[in-house]
Amino acid sequence: MKETYAPHHASVTVDAPVHQVYTLFSHFNDFPKFMSFVKEVTYYDDQTSHWVANVAGRHEWDAVNEQWLPDQQIGWRSTKGLDNFGKVTFESAGPNQTKIDVYINYNPPAGMLGDMAEKLGAGSHFEQALQNDLNHFAKMVDEAPSGALDPTSSNYLFHPESAAAKGRTTDQQDETMQQQHPEGEYRWPDETMQQRRTEGEYRQTGESMSRQPIEEEYRRPDYPIPPQYTEGEFRSPPSQG
């Protein structure tokens, strides 16, 4: 059966130079902190990742990075789970401005029913959510210190509409965010913890995880920055001295 991909696109202009915007956007693990539909991005290694998101319903997939061009483009394709692929391009729009274009293509699940749901509004809803989250990213950069290359430096993280702020991230995502604060226990915003208790998603420390990864293999919870691809060859990020 021929696969039918639903294409989606969103764009935003950010008031920051290309290198800064490219580097900030490369922190996939921080997406749930300013995105509404992404509940988890964790890493198996420096090339592959696991995603949980609301794309025409709640879905999971493993993805591999491809076609990475420093300060120009990042790309991916799924290897298991929701069938999708896409890319993000970065283009200078002035001395201190960067235009971001996000292209996402996914194969609507459930065959013909999925195609019908896409045409009846699921696709437009997703595209609007994607545009809103890109606007949130632009705001995050605005509130980060000049030249900052780490999203956690921004005061805008945990905006009210993000998956993290609403307590809708997965246990694995929560674990990675806790590991980013090794000197003390990670603290959720008060309203987030209350939301988790209300929706029955809050779990006491030590409880077992209910979801298993798509493949039974060790997943590195928080890898600094995904790999770069230059002229078809993989190059690891430079080591930190």
C-alpha atoms as a PDB file:
ATOM      1  CA  MET A   1       0.000   0.000   0.000  1.00  0.00           C
ATOM      2  CA  LYS A   2       1.312   3.409  -0.941  1.00  0.00           C
ATOM      3  CA  GLU A   3       2.233   5.592   2.025  1.00  0.00           C
ATOM      4  CA  THR A   4       0.618   9.020   2.146  1.00  0.00           C
ATOM      5  CA  TYR A   5       2.514  11.626   4.115  1.00  0.00           C
ATOM      6  CA  ALA A   6       0.830  14.717   5.506  1.00  0.00           C
ATOM      7  CA  PRO A   7       3.171  17.715   5.108  1.00  0.00           C
ATOM      8  CA  HIS A   8       3.242  20.499   7.687  1.00  0.00           C
ATOM      9  CA  HIS A   9       5.228  23.716   7.858  1.00  0.00           C
ATOM     10  CA  ALA A  10       5.721  26.550  10.330  1.00  0.00           C
ATOM     11  CA  SER A  11       8.103  29.494  10.377  1.00  0.00           C
ATOM     12  CA  VAL A  12       9.280  32.215  12.741  1.00  0.00           C
ATOM     13  CA  THR A  13      11.928  34.930  12.789  1.00  0.00           C
ATOM     14  CA  VAL A  14      14.072  35.091  15.922  1.00  0.00           C
ATOM     15  CA  ASP A  15      15.974  38.156  17.110  1.00  0.00           C
ATOM     16  CA  ALA A  16      19.350  36.434  17.468  1.00  0.00           C
ATOM     17  CA  PRO A  17      22.239  35.411  15.157  1.00  0.00           C
ATOM     18  CA  VAL A  18      22.128  32.094  13.292  1.00  0.00           C
ATOM     19  CA  HIS A  19      24.748  30.259  15.358  1.00  0.00           C
ATOM     20  CA  GLN A  20      22.988  31.013  18.629  1.00  0.00           C
ATOM     21  CA  VAL A  21      19.556  30.010  17.306  1.00  0.00           C
ATOM     22  CA  TYR A  22      20.894  26.822  15.706  1.00  0.00           C
ATOM     23  CA  THR A  23      22.641  25.758  18.921  1.00  0.00           C
ATOM     24  CA  LEU A  24      19.641  26.501  21.136  1.00  0.00           C
ATOM     25  CA  PHE A  25      17.305  24.553  18.858  1.00  0.00           C
ATOM     26  CA  SER A  26      19.658  21.556  18.924  1.00  0.00           C
ATOM     27  CA  HIS A  27      18.788  20.851  22.585  1.00  0.00           C
ATOM     28  CA  PHE A  28      15.971  18.411  21.767  1.00  0.00           C
ATOM     29  CA  ASN A  29      15.728  17.267  25.377  1.00  0.00           C
ATOM     30  CA  ASP A  30      14.510  20.737  26.361  1.00  0.00           C
ATOM     31  CA  PHE A  31      11.643  20.806  23.855  1.00  0.00           C
ATOM     32  CA  PRO A  32       8.970  19.783  26.408  1.00  0.00           C
ATOM     33  CA  LYS A  33       9.879  22.841  28.481  1.00  0.00           C
ATOM     34  CA  PHE A  34       8.602  25.264  25.855  1.00  0.00           C
ATOM     35  CA  MET A  35       6.567  23.025  23.519  1.00  0.00           C
ATOM     36  CA  SER A  36       2.989  21.978  24.182  1.00  0.00           C
ATOM     37  CA  PHE A  37       2.749  18.760  22.150  1.00  0.00           C
ATOM     38  CA  VAL A  38       6.168  17.191  22.891  1.00  0.00           C
ATOM     39  CA  LYS A  39       6.097  15.119  26.086  1.00  0.00           C
ATOM     40  CA  GLU A  40       9.515  13.475  25.871  1.00  0.00           C
ATOM     41  CA  VAL A  41      12.776  13.586  23.954  1.00  0.00           C
ATOM     42  CA  THR A  42      15.455  11.304  25.394  1.00  0.00           C
ATOM     43  CA  TYR A  43      18.584   9.885  23.807  1.00  0.00           C
ATOM     44  CA  TYR A  44      19.750   6.356  23.106  1.00  0.00           C
ATOM     45  CA  ASP A  45      23.118   7.695  21.931  1.00  0.00           C
ATOM     46  CA  ASP A  46      24.515  10.668  20.029  1.00  0.00           C
ATOM     47  CA  GLN A  47      22.618   9.772  16.845  1.00  0.00           C
ATOM     48  CA  THR A  48      19.267   8.306  17.895  1.00  0.00           C
ATOM     49  CA  SER A  49      16.490   9.523  20.150  1.00  0.00           C
ATOM     50  CA  HIS A  50      13.076   8.550  21.490  1.00  0.00           C
ATOM     51  CA  TRP A  51      10.079  10.873  21.177  1.00  0.00           C
ATOM     52  CA  VAL A  52       6.618  10.974  22.729  1.00  0.00           C
ATOM     53  CA  ALA A  53       4.277  13.611  21.329  1.00  0.00           C
ATOM     54  CA  ASN A  54       0.708  14.450  20.433  1.00  0.00           C
ATOM     55  CA  VAL A  55       0.670  14.236  16.644  1.00  0.00           C
ATOM     56  CA  ALA A  56      -2.853  13.320  15.544  1.00  0.00           C
ATOM     57  CA  GLY A  57      -3.122  11.582  18.922  1.00  0.00           C
ATOM     58  CA  ARG A  58      -0.500  10.367  21.364  1.00  0.00           C
ATOM     59  CA  HIS A  59       2.337   8.577  19.587  1.00  0.00           C
ATOM     60  CA  GLU A  60       5.905   7.409  20.163  1.00  0.00           C
ATOM     61  CA  TRP A  61       8.792   6.861  17.783  1.00  0.00           C
ATOM     62  CA  ASP A  62      12.525   6.354  17.593  1.00  0.00           C
ATOM     63  CA  ALA A  63      14.404   8.683  15.268  1.00  0.00           C
ATOM     64  CA  VAL A  64      17.844   9.001  13.760  1.00  0.00           C
ATOM     65  CA  ASN A  65      19.431  12.359  12.961  1.00  0.00           C
ATOM     66  CA  GLU A  66      20.417  12.973   9.354  1.00  0.00           C
ATOM     67  CA  GLN A  67      21.479  15.763   7.004  1.00  0.00           C
ATOM     68  CA  TRP A  68      22.878  17.987   9.731  1.00  0.00           C
ATOM     69  CA  LEU A  69      24.697  21.038   8.405  1.00  0.00           C
ATOM     70  CA  PRO A  70      26.187  23.276  11.127  1.00  0.00           C
ATOM     71  CA  ASP A  71      24.327  26.592  11.412  1.00  0.00           C
ATOM     72  CA  GLN A  72      22.144  25.658   8.423  1.00  0.00           C
ATOM     73  CA  GLN A  73      19.975  22.594   8.916  1.00  0.00           C
ATOM     74  CA  ILE A  74      19.006  19.691  11.148  1.00  0.00           C
ATOM     75  CA  GLY A  75      17.027  16.681   9.941  1.00  0.00           C
ATOM     76  CA  TRP A  76      15.631  13.359  11.138  1.00  0.00           C
ATOM     77  CA  ARG A  77      13.612  10.323  10.150  1.00  0.00           C
ATOM     78  CA  SER A  78      11.800   7.807  12.295  1.00  0.00           C
ATOM     79  CA  THR A  79      12.990   4.211  12.482  1.00  0.00           C
ATOM     80  CA  LYS A  80      10.193   2.746  14.631  1.00  0.00           C
ATOM     81  CA  GLY A  81       6.808   3.966  15.786  1.00  0.00           C
ATOM     82  CA  LEU A  82       4.996   6.851  14.079  1.00  0.00           C
ATOM     83  CA  ASP A  83       6.289   7.082  10.510  1.00  0.00           C
ATOM     84  CA  ASN A  84       7.639  10.611  10.035  1.00  0.00           C
ATOM     85  CA  PHE A  85      10.564  12.650   8.769  1.00  0.00           C
ATOM     86  CA  GLY A  86      11.470  16.307   8.566  1.00  0.00           C
ATOM     87  CA  LYS A  87      13.999  19.079   8.766  1.00  0.00           C
ATOM     88  CA  VAL A  88      14.574  22.497  10.296  1.00  0.00           C
ATOM     89  CA  THR A  89      16.426  25.170   8.345  1.00  0.00           C
ATOM     90  CA  PHE A  90      18.138  28.282   9.696  1.00  0.00           C
ATOM     91  CA  GLU A  91      18.704  31.315   7.486  1.00  0.00           C
ATOM     92  CA  SER A  92      20.074  34.744   8.322  1.00  0.00           C
ATOM     93  CA  ALA A  93      17.407  37.441   8.072  1.00  0.00           C
ATOM     94  CA  GLY A  94      19.698  40.297   9.077  1.00  0.00           C
ATOM     95  CA  PRO A  95      22.710  41.038  11.312  1.00  0.00           C
ATOM     96  CA  ASN A  96      20.957  39.680  14.424  1.00  0.00           C
ATOM     97  CA  GLN A  97      17.946  37.844  13.072  1.00  0.00           C
ATOM     98  CA  THR A  98      17.369  34.247  12.025  1.00  0.00           C
ATOM     99  CA  LYS A  99      14.479  32.772  10.063  1.00  0.00           C
ATOM    100  CA  ILE A 100      13.516  29.248  11.152  1.00  0.00           C
ATOM    101  CA  ASP A 101      11.477  26.965   8.906  1.00  0.00           C
ATOM    102  CA  VAL A 102      10.212  23.651  10.261  1.00  0.00           C
ATOM    103  CA  TYR A 103       9.015  20.961   7.854  1.00  0.00           C
ATOM    104  CA  ILE A 104       7.362  17.844   9.297  1.00  0.00           C
ATOM    105  CA  ASN A 105       5.880  14.995   7.279  1.00  0.00           C
ATOM    106  CA  TYR A 106       4.078  12.105   8.917  1.00  0.00           C
ATOM    107  CA  ASN A 107       2.035   9.159   7.735  1.00  0.00           C
ATOM    108  CA  PRO A 108      -1.361   9.490   9.465  1.00  0.00           C
ATOM    109  CA  PRO A 109      -1.944   6.374  11.586  1.00  0.00           C
ATOM    110  CA  ALA A 110      -4.970   4.064  11.218  1.00  0.00           C
ATOM    111  CA  GLY A 111      -4.888   3.983   7.420  1.00  0.00           C
ATOM    112  CA  MET A 112      -7.910   5.562   5.721  1.00  0.00           C
ATOM    113  CA  LEU A 113      -9.395   6.659   9.042  1.00  0.00           C
ATOM    114  CA  GLY A 114      -6.186   8.513   9.791  1.00  0.00           C
ATOM    115  CA  ASP A 115      -6.275  10.188   6.383  1.00  0.00           C
ATOM    116  CA  MET A 116      -9.864  11.285   7.024  1.00  0.00           C
ATOM    117  CA  ALA A 117      -9.005  12.654  10.467  1.00  0.00           C
ATOM    118  CA  GLU A 118      -6.116  14.580   8.934  1.00  0.00           C
ATOM    119  CA  LYS A 119      -8.417  16.170   6.376  1.00  0.00           C
ATOM    120  CA  LEU A 120     -11.114  16.887   8.951  1.00  0.00           C
ATOM    121  CA  GLY A 121      -8.898  19.033  11.138  1.00  0.00           C
ATOM    122  CA  ALA A 122      -6.296  17.001  13.010  1.00  0.00           C
ATOM    123  CA  GLY A 123      -3.595  18.249  10.656  1.00  0.00           C
ATOM    124  CA  SER A 124      -4.515  21.916  10.937  1.00  0.00           C
ATOM    125  CA  HIS A 125      -4.658  21.624  14.726  1.00  0.00           C
ATOM    126  CA  PHE A 126      -1.162  20.145  14.791  1.00  0.00           C
ATOM    127  CA  GLU A 127       0.186  22.829  12.469  1.00  0.00           C
ATOM    128  CA  GLN A 128      -1.266  25.573  14.678  1.00  0.00           C
ATOM    129  CA  ALA A 129       0.301  23.979  17.763  1.00  0.00           C
ATOM    130  CA  LEU A 130       3.625  23.802  15.924  1.00  0.00           C
ATOM    131  CA  GLN A 131       3.413  27.496  15.012  1.00  0.00           C
ATOM    132  CA  ASN A 132       2.547  28.459  18.588  1.00  0.00           C
ATOM    133  CA  ASP A 133       5.494  26.482  19.922  1.00  0.00           C
ATOM    134  CA  LEU A 134       7.861  28.110  17.442  1.00  0.00           C
ATOM    135  CA  ASN A 135       6.636  31.472  18.721  1.00  0.00           C
ATOM    136  CA  HIS A 136       7.394  30.238  22.241  1.00  0.00           C
ATOM    137  CA  PHE A 137      10.919  29.337  21.126  1.00  0.00           C
ATOM    138  CA  ALA A 138      11.428  32.870  19.775  1.00  0.00           C
ATOM    139  CA  LYS A 139      10.270  34.260  23.124  1.00  0.00           C
ATOM    140  CA  MET A 140      12.627  31.901  24.962  1.00  0.00           C
ATOM    141  CA  VAL A 141      15.577  33.232  22.950  1.00  0.00           C
ATOM    142  CA  ASP A 142      14.474  36.804  23.660  1.00  0.00           C
ATOM    143  CA  GLU A 143      14.647  36.174  27.400  1.00  0.00           C
ATOM    144  CA  ALA A 144      17.996  34.330  27.327  1.00  0.00           C
ATOM    145  CA  PRO A 145      21.216  36.295  27.976  1.00  0.00           C
ATOM    146  CA  SER A 146      22.881  37.690  24.885  1.00  0.00           C
ATOM    147  CA  GLY A 147      24.933  34.954  23.184  1.00  0.00           C
ATOM    148  CA  ALA A 148      23.568  32.156  25.421  1.00  0.00           C
ATOM    149  CA  LEU A 149      23.901  28.691  23.886  1.00  0.00           C
ATOM    150  CA  ASP A 150      21.938  26.693  26.477  1.00  0.00           C
ATOM    151  CA  PRO A 151      18.106  26.903  26.608  1.00  0.00           C
ATOM    152  CA  THR A 152      18.132  26.486  30.391  1.00  0.00           C
ATOM    153  CA  SER A 153      19.640  29.971  30.662  1.00  0.00           C
ATOM    154  CA  SER A 154      16.300  31.474  29.624  1.00  0.00           C
ATOM    155  CA  ASN A 155      13.734  32.611  32.186  1.00  0.00           C
ATOM    156  CA  TYR A 156      10.995  31.664  29.736  1.00  0.00           C
ATOM    157  CA  LEU A 157      11.300  27.897  30.210  1.00  0.00           C
ATOM    158  CA  PHE A 158       8.162  26.344  31.687  1.00  0.00           C
ATOM    159  CA  HIS A 159       5.810  28.780  29.995  1.00  0.00           C
ATOM    160  CA  PRO A 160       2.208  28.007  31.035  1.00  0.00           C
ATOM    161  CA  GLU A 161       1.297  26.120  27.851  1.00  0.00           C
ATOM    162  CA  SER A 162       4.308  23.786  27.748  1.00  0.00           C
ATOM    163  CA  ALA A 163       3.997  20.056  28.398  1.00  0.00           C
ATOM    164  CA  ALA A 164       6.404  20.362  31.346  1.00  0.00           C
ATOM    165  CA  ALA A 165       4.489  23.212  32.976  1.00  0.00           C
ATOM    166  CA  LYS A 166       1.228  21.294  32.669  1.00  0.00           C
ATOM    167  CA  GLY A 167       2.744  18.106  34.115  1.00  0.00           C
ATOM    168  CA  ARG A 168       2.260  16.126  30.923  1.00  0.00           C
ATOM    169  CA  THR A 169       5.822  14.931  30.419  1.00  0.00           C
ATOM    170  CA  THR A 170       6.752  11.257  30.800  1.00  0.00           C
ATOM    171  CA  ASP A 171       8.641   9.711  33.708  1.00  0.00           C
ATOM    172  CA  GLN A 172      11.730   9.358  31.527  1.00  0.00           C
ATOM    173  CA  GLN A 173      11.606  13.049  30.598  1.00  0.00           C
ATOM    174  CA  ASP A 174      11.201  13.980  34.262  1.00  0.00           C
ATOM    175  CA  GLU A 175      14.271  11.931  35.118  1.00  0.00           C
ATOM    176  CA  THR A 176      16.440  13.787  32.629  1.00  0.00           C
ATOM    177  CA  MET A 177      15.287  17.148  33.958  1.00  0.00           C
ATOM    178  CA  GLN A 178      16.130  16.057  37.482  1.00  0.00           C
ATOM    179  CA  GLN A 179      19.596  15.017  36.328  1.00  0.00           C
ATOM    180  CA  GLN A 180      20.178  18.528  35.046  1.00  0.00           C
ATOM    181  CA  HIS A 181      20.098  19.662  38.685  1.00  0.00           C
ATOM    182  CA  PRO A 182      22.640  17.345  40.402  1.00  0.00           C
ATOM    183  CA  GLU A 183      23.079  19.621  43.436  1.00  0.00           C
ATOM    184  CA  GLY A 184      19.496  19.317  44.554  1.00  0.00           C
ATOM    185  CA  GLU A 185      16.145  17.733  43.826  1.00  0.00           C
ATOM    186  CA  TYR A 186      14.386  19.051  40.756  1.00  0.00           C
ATOM    187  CA  ARG A 187      11.442  21.236  41.743  1.00  0.00           C
ATOM    188  CA  TRP A 188       8.374  21.569  39.573  1.00  0.00           C
ATOM    189  CA  PRO A 189       6.389  24.803  39.562  1.00  0.00           C
ATOM    190  CA  ASP A 190       3.657  24.501  42.224  1.00  0.00           C
ATOM    191  CA  GLU A 191       0.862  24.569  39.669  1.00  0.00           C
ATOM    192  CA  THR A 192       2.531  21.757  37.740  1.00  0.00           C
ATOM    193  CA  MET A 193       2.653  19.417  40.719  1.00  0.00           C
ATOM    194  CA  GLN A 194      -0.974  20.177  41.532  1.00  0.00           C
ATOM    195  CA  GLN A 195      -1.945  19.462  37.929  1.00  0.00           C
ATOM    196  CA  ARG A 196      -0.144  16.109  38.071  1.00  0.00           C
ATOM    197  CA  ARG A 197      -1.960  15.097  41.257  1.00  0.00           C
ATOM    198  CA  THR A 198      -5.318  16.152  39.796  1.00  0.00           C
ATOM    199  CA  GLU A 199      -4.836  14.180  36.578  1.00  0.00           C
ATOM    200  CA  GLY A 200      -3.433  11.144  38.371  1.00  0.00           C
ATOM    201  CA  GLU A 201      -0.064  11.423  36.640  1.00  0.00           C
ATOM    202  CA  TYR A 202       2.038  12.212  39.696  1.00  0.00           C
ATOM    203  CA  ARG A 203       4.146   9.334  41.010  1.00  0.00           C
ATOM    204  CA  GLN A 204       6.066   9.107  44.233  1.00  0.00           C
ATOM    205  CA  THR A 205       9.825   8.656  43.946  1.00  0.00           C
ATOM    206  CA  GLY A 206      10.721   4.993  43.604  1.00  0.00           C
ATOM    207  CA  GLU A 207       7.614   3.823  41.807  1.00  0.00           C
ATOM    208  CA  SER A 208       8.210   1.617  38.789  1.00  0.00           C
ATOM    209  CA  MET A 209       8.045   2.969  35.262  1.00  0.00           C
ATOM    210  CA  SER A 210       5.011   1.771  33.299  1.00  0.00           C
ATOM    211  CA  ARG A 211       6.223   2.472  29.759  1.00  0.00           C
ATOM    212  CA  GLN A 212       8.915   0.447  28.050  1.00  0.00           C
ATOM    213  CA  PRO A 213      11.046   1.804  25.198  1.00  0.00           C
ATOM    214  CA  ILE A 214      10.306   0.621  21.686  1.00  0.00           C
ATOM    215  CA  GLU A 215      13.572  -1.310  21.677  1.00  0.00           C
ATOM    216  CA  GLU A 216      14.964  -3.006  24.745  1.00  0.00           C
ATOM    217  CA  GLU A 217      18.243  -1.166  24.816  1.00  0.00           C
ATOM    218  CA  TYR A 218      19.874   1.309  27.105  1.00  0.00           C
ATOM    219  CA  ARG A 219      18.875   4.876  26.440  1.00  0.00           C
ATOM    220  CA  ARG A 220      21.194   7.664  27.522  1.00  0.00           C
ATOM    221  CA  PRO A 221      18.858  10.076  29.303  1.00  0.00           C
ATOM    222  CA  ASP A 222      20.550  13.348  28.466  1.00  0.00           C
ATOM    223  CA  TYR A 223      23.173  13.745  25.757  1.00  0.00           C
ATOM    224  CA  PRO A 224      24.485  17.315  25.426  1.00  0.00           C
ATOM    225  CA  ILE A 225      24.008  18.123  21.731  1.00  0.00           C
ATOM    226  CA  PRO A 226      23.039  15.775  18.875  1.00  0.00           C
ATOM    227  CA  PRO A 227      25.655  14.999  16.213  1.00  0.00           C
ATOM    228  CA  GLN A 228      26.595  17.115  13.243  1.00  0.00           C
ATOM    229  CA  TYR A 229      26.677  15.804   9.700  1.00  0.00           C
ATOM    230  CA  THR A 230      29.010  17.532   7.263  1.00  0.00           C
ATOM    231  CA  GLU A 231      29.315  16.392   3.638  1.00  0.00           C
ATOM    232  CA  GLY A 232      27.757  13.040   4.512  1.00  0.00           C
ATOM    233  CA  GLU A 233      30.251  12.173   7.250  1.00  0.00           C
ATOM    234  CA  PHE A 234      29.479  11.974  10.931  1.00  0.00           C
ATOM    235  CA  ARG A 235      31.543  14.212  13.133  1.00  0.00           C
ATOM    236  CA  SER A 236      31.289  14.188  16.887  1.00  0.00           C
ATOM    237  CA  PRO A 237      30.861  17.481  18.752  1.00  0.00           C
ATOM    238  CA  PRO A 238      34.214  18.901  19.926  1.00  0.00           C
ATOM    239  CA  SER A 239      35.299  17.650  23.333  1.00  0.00           C
ATOM    240  CA  GLN A 240      35.100  20.022  26.248  1.00  0.00           C
ATOM    241  CA  GLY A 241      38.416  20.738  27.891  1.00  0.00           C
END
